[in-house]
N, C-alpha and C. Protein backbone atom coordinates (compact mmCIF):
# COMPACT_ATOMS: atom_id res chain seq x y z
N MET A 1 72.62 -229.31 -102.51
CA MET A 1 71.51 -229.47 -101.59
C MET A 1 71.48 -228.33 -100.58
N HIS A 2 72.63 -228.01 -99.98
CA HIS A 2 72.71 -226.95 -98.98
C HIS A 2 72.28 -225.61 -99.59
N LYS A 3 72.75 -225.33 -100.79
CA LYS A 3 72.41 -224.08 -101.46
C LYS A 3 70.90 -223.97 -101.68
N ARG A 4 70.28 -225.07 -102.06
CA ARG A 4 68.82 -225.07 -102.26
C ARG A 4 68.08 -224.78 -100.96
N LYS A 5 68.57 -225.33 -99.86
CA LYS A 5 67.92 -225.09 -98.57
C LYS A 5 68.05 -223.63 -98.15
N ILE A 6 69.22 -223.05 -98.34
CA ILE A 6 69.42 -221.63 -98.02
C ILE A 6 68.47 -220.77 -98.86
N GLU A 7 68.38 -221.06 -100.13
CA GLU A 7 67.49 -220.28 -101.01
C GLU A 7 66.03 -220.44 -100.59
N PHE A 8 65.64 -221.64 -100.16
CA PHE A 8 64.28 -221.86 -99.69
C PHE A 8 63.99 -220.97 -98.48
N VAL A 9 64.92 -220.94 -97.53
CA VAL A 9 64.73 -220.13 -96.32
C VAL A 9 64.70 -218.64 -96.69
N ARG A 10 65.58 -218.21 -97.57
CA ARG A 10 65.61 -216.80 -97.97
C ARG A 10 64.30 -216.35 -98.60
N LYS A 11 63.67 -217.22 -99.34
CA LYS A 11 62.42 -216.87 -100.01
C LYS A 11 61.19 -217.01 -99.11
N SER A 12 61.38 -217.59 -97.94
CA SER A 12 60.26 -217.81 -97.02
C SER A 12 59.95 -216.53 -96.22
N ASN A 13 58.92 -216.61 -95.41
CA ASN A 13 58.56 -215.50 -94.52
C ASN A 13 59.16 -215.67 -93.13
N LEU A 14 60.05 -216.63 -92.96
CA LEU A 14 60.67 -216.88 -91.67
C LEU A 14 61.59 -215.75 -91.26
N ASN A 15 61.71 -215.54 -89.96
CA ASN A 15 62.67 -214.60 -89.40
C ASN A 15 63.88 -215.42 -88.98
N TRP A 16 64.97 -215.37 -89.74
CA TRP A 16 66.09 -216.29 -89.54
C TRP A 16 67.41 -215.55 -89.52
N LEU A 17 68.41 -216.21 -88.97
CA LEU A 17 69.80 -215.74 -88.98
C LEU A 17 70.68 -216.98 -89.07
N TYR A 18 71.52 -217.05 -90.07
CA TYR A 18 72.42 -218.19 -90.28
C TYR A 18 73.81 -217.73 -89.89
N ILE A 19 74.41 -218.38 -88.90
CA ILE A 19 75.72 -217.98 -88.40
C ILE A 19 76.74 -219.04 -88.80
N SER A 20 77.58 -218.69 -89.75
CA SER A 20 78.62 -219.61 -90.24
C SER A 20 79.81 -219.57 -89.30
N PRO A 21 80.32 -220.71 -88.91
CA PRO A 21 81.49 -220.72 -88.02
C PRO A 21 82.78 -220.40 -88.78
N ALA A 22 83.77 -219.94 -88.05
CA ALA A 22 85.11 -219.77 -88.63
C ALA A 22 85.66 -221.17 -88.92
N ALA A 23 86.73 -221.24 -89.69
CA ALA A 23 87.30 -222.54 -90.04
C ALA A 23 87.91 -223.23 -88.82
N LEU A 24 88.50 -222.46 -87.91
CA LEU A 24 89.17 -223.02 -86.73
C LEU A 24 88.62 -222.41 -85.45
N PHE A 25 88.36 -223.26 -84.45
CA PHE A 25 87.99 -222.81 -83.12
C PHE A 25 89.10 -223.21 -82.16
N TYR A 26 89.30 -222.42 -81.12
CA TYR A 26 90.31 -222.75 -80.11
C TYR A 26 89.84 -222.23 -78.76
N GLU A 27 90.49 -222.69 -77.69
CA GLU A 27 90.17 -222.20 -76.36
C GLU A 27 90.94 -220.91 -76.13
N GLY A 28 90.35 -220.00 -75.39
CA GLY A 28 90.96 -218.70 -75.13
C GLY A 28 89.92 -217.62 -75.31
N LYS A 29 90.38 -216.37 -75.37
CA LYS A 29 89.45 -215.27 -75.52
C LYS A 29 90.14 -214.08 -76.16
N SER A 30 89.42 -213.39 -77.01
CA SER A 30 89.91 -212.17 -77.65
C SER A 30 88.73 -211.22 -77.82
N GLN A 31 88.98 -209.94 -77.70
CA GLN A 31 87.93 -208.94 -77.93
C GLN A 31 88.01 -208.35 -79.32
N ASN A 32 89.03 -208.74 -80.08
CA ASN A 32 89.24 -208.20 -81.42
C ASN A 32 88.68 -209.15 -82.46
N TYR A 33 87.48 -208.87 -82.91
CA TYR A 33 86.85 -209.72 -83.92
C TYR A 33 86.18 -208.84 -84.96
N GLU A 34 85.86 -209.46 -86.07
CA GLU A 34 85.17 -208.75 -87.15
C GLU A 34 83.93 -209.53 -87.54
N LEU A 35 82.84 -208.83 -87.66
CA LEU A 35 81.60 -209.41 -88.16
C LEU A 35 81.68 -209.36 -89.68
N ILE A 36 81.54 -210.50 -90.31
CA ILE A 36 81.61 -210.56 -91.77
C ILE A 36 80.33 -211.17 -92.31
N GLY A 37 80.12 -211.03 -93.57
CA GLY A 37 78.92 -211.56 -94.21
C GLY A 37 79.12 -212.97 -94.71
N GLU A 38 78.59 -213.25 -95.86
CA GLU A 38 78.62 -214.60 -96.43
C GLU A 38 79.97 -215.01 -96.99
N GLU A 39 80.79 -214.05 -97.31
CA GLU A 39 82.06 -214.37 -97.94
C GLU A 39 83.03 -215.02 -96.95
N PHE A 40 83.88 -215.89 -97.45
CA PHE A 40 84.93 -216.48 -96.63
C PHE A 40 86.04 -215.45 -96.53
N LYS A 41 86.49 -215.18 -95.32
CA LYS A 41 87.50 -214.16 -95.12
C LYS A 41 88.51 -214.65 -94.10
N VAL A 42 89.74 -214.19 -94.22
CA VAL A 42 90.79 -214.52 -93.26
C VAL A 42 91.33 -213.23 -92.64
N ASN A 43 92.00 -213.37 -91.50
CA ASN A 43 92.60 -212.20 -90.86
C ASN A 43 93.96 -211.90 -91.49
N ALA A 44 94.69 -210.95 -90.93
CA ALA A 44 95.98 -210.53 -91.48
C ALA A 44 97.01 -211.66 -91.47
N LYS A 45 96.81 -212.65 -90.59
CA LYS A 45 97.73 -213.80 -90.53
C LYS A 45 97.31 -214.91 -91.49
N GLY A 46 96.25 -214.68 -92.25
CA GLY A 46 95.77 -215.69 -93.18
C GLY A 46 94.92 -216.77 -92.53
N GLU A 47 94.36 -216.48 -91.36
CA GLU A 47 93.60 -217.47 -90.60
C GLU A 47 92.11 -217.12 -90.55
N SER A 48 91.28 -218.12 -90.56
CA SER A 48 89.86 -217.98 -90.28
C SER A 48 89.66 -218.71 -88.96
N ARG A 49 89.76 -217.96 -87.86
CA ARG A 49 89.69 -218.59 -86.55
C ARG A 49 89.00 -217.68 -85.55
N VAL A 50 88.45 -218.29 -84.52
CA VAL A 50 87.81 -217.57 -83.43
C VAL A 50 87.77 -218.51 -82.23
N SER A 51 87.89 -217.95 -81.04
CA SER A 51 87.80 -218.81 -79.86
C SER A 51 86.33 -219.07 -79.54
N TYR A 52 86.08 -220.16 -78.84
CA TYR A 52 84.71 -220.49 -78.45
C TYR A 52 84.11 -219.34 -77.63
N SER A 53 84.89 -218.83 -76.69
CA SER A 53 84.43 -217.76 -75.81
C SER A 53 84.13 -216.48 -76.58
N THR A 54 85.02 -216.10 -77.47
CA THR A 54 84.81 -214.89 -78.27
C THR A 54 83.57 -215.03 -79.14
N TYR A 55 83.41 -216.19 -79.76
CA TYR A 55 82.27 -216.45 -80.63
C TYR A 55 80.96 -216.29 -79.86
N ALA A 56 80.86 -216.94 -78.72
CA ALA A 56 79.64 -216.89 -77.92
C ALA A 56 79.38 -215.49 -77.39
N THR A 57 80.40 -214.85 -76.83
CA THR A 57 80.25 -213.50 -76.28
C THR A 57 79.84 -212.50 -77.35
N ALA A 58 80.48 -212.56 -78.50
CA ALA A 58 80.17 -211.63 -79.60
C ALA A 58 78.74 -211.83 -80.10
N LEU A 59 78.32 -213.07 -80.25
CA LEU A 59 76.96 -213.32 -80.74
C LEU A 59 75.90 -212.83 -79.76
N ILE A 60 76.11 -213.06 -78.48
CA ILE A 60 75.17 -212.57 -77.47
C ILE A 60 75.12 -211.05 -77.50
N LYS A 61 76.29 -210.42 -77.57
CA LYS A 61 76.36 -208.95 -77.61
C LYS A 61 75.66 -208.41 -78.86
N LEU A 62 75.95 -208.98 -80.01
CA LEU A 62 75.36 -208.50 -81.26
C LEU A 62 73.85 -208.71 -81.30
N LEU A 63 73.39 -209.86 -80.87
CA LEU A 63 71.95 -210.15 -80.89
C LEU A 63 71.18 -209.28 -79.90
N SER A 64 71.75 -209.06 -78.72
CA SER A 64 71.04 -208.26 -77.71
C SER A 64 71.10 -206.77 -77.99
N SER A 65 72.08 -206.32 -78.77
CA SER A 65 72.22 -204.89 -79.07
C SER A 65 71.34 -204.44 -80.23
N GLY A 66 70.84 -205.37 -81.00
CA GLY A 66 70.04 -205.01 -82.16
C GLY A 66 70.87 -204.61 -83.37
N GLU A 67 72.19 -204.81 -83.31
CA GLU A 67 73.08 -204.47 -84.43
C GLU A 67 72.88 -205.39 -85.63
N ILE A 68 72.37 -206.57 -85.38
CA ILE A 68 72.23 -207.57 -86.43
C ILE A 68 70.83 -207.49 -87.03
N LYS A 69 70.78 -207.43 -88.32
CA LYS A 69 69.50 -207.53 -89.02
C LYS A 69 69.24 -209.01 -89.28
N MET A 70 68.02 -209.41 -89.09
CA MET A 70 67.66 -210.80 -89.35
C MET A 70 67.58 -211.02 -90.86
N ARG A 71 67.41 -212.27 -91.25
CA ARG A 71 67.29 -212.69 -92.65
C ARG A 71 68.60 -212.49 -93.42
N GLN A 72 69.69 -212.89 -92.77
CA GLN A 72 70.98 -212.84 -93.44
C GLN A 72 71.91 -213.91 -92.88
N ARG A 73 73.01 -214.10 -93.55
CA ARG A 73 74.04 -215.05 -93.14
C ARG A 73 75.26 -214.25 -92.73
N ILE A 74 75.82 -214.56 -91.55
CA ILE A 74 76.97 -213.84 -91.03
C ILE A 74 78.02 -214.81 -90.50
N SER A 75 79.17 -214.27 -90.16
CA SER A 75 80.22 -215.04 -89.51
C SER A 75 81.09 -214.07 -88.71
N LEU A 76 81.93 -214.62 -87.86
CA LEU A 76 82.87 -213.84 -87.07
C LEU A 76 84.26 -214.43 -87.24
N ILE A 77 85.26 -213.56 -87.33
CA ILE A 77 86.65 -214.02 -87.27
C ILE A 77 87.42 -213.09 -86.34
N GLU A 78 88.45 -213.63 -85.72
CA GLU A 78 89.32 -212.79 -84.90
C GLU A 78 90.33 -212.09 -85.79
N LEU A 79 90.64 -210.87 -85.41
CA LEU A 79 91.62 -210.09 -86.17
C LEU A 79 93.03 -210.40 -85.72
């Protein structure tokens, strides 16, 4: 069902951005993160994690800078 919905949105004329969360969230902050695409990825420690603060700060920075192209699915993980 989820896959069908994503495909529907991709084929539409909507201007969209789908932001997939990391597997684990925690309190704290880090400036070392990586913007990744649709694939599931882990850091060098084998973790898919990001802090709430890092996630929010990175998304605001990326969206306001124009670095992100719309009509795609992305995620963030800490390095």
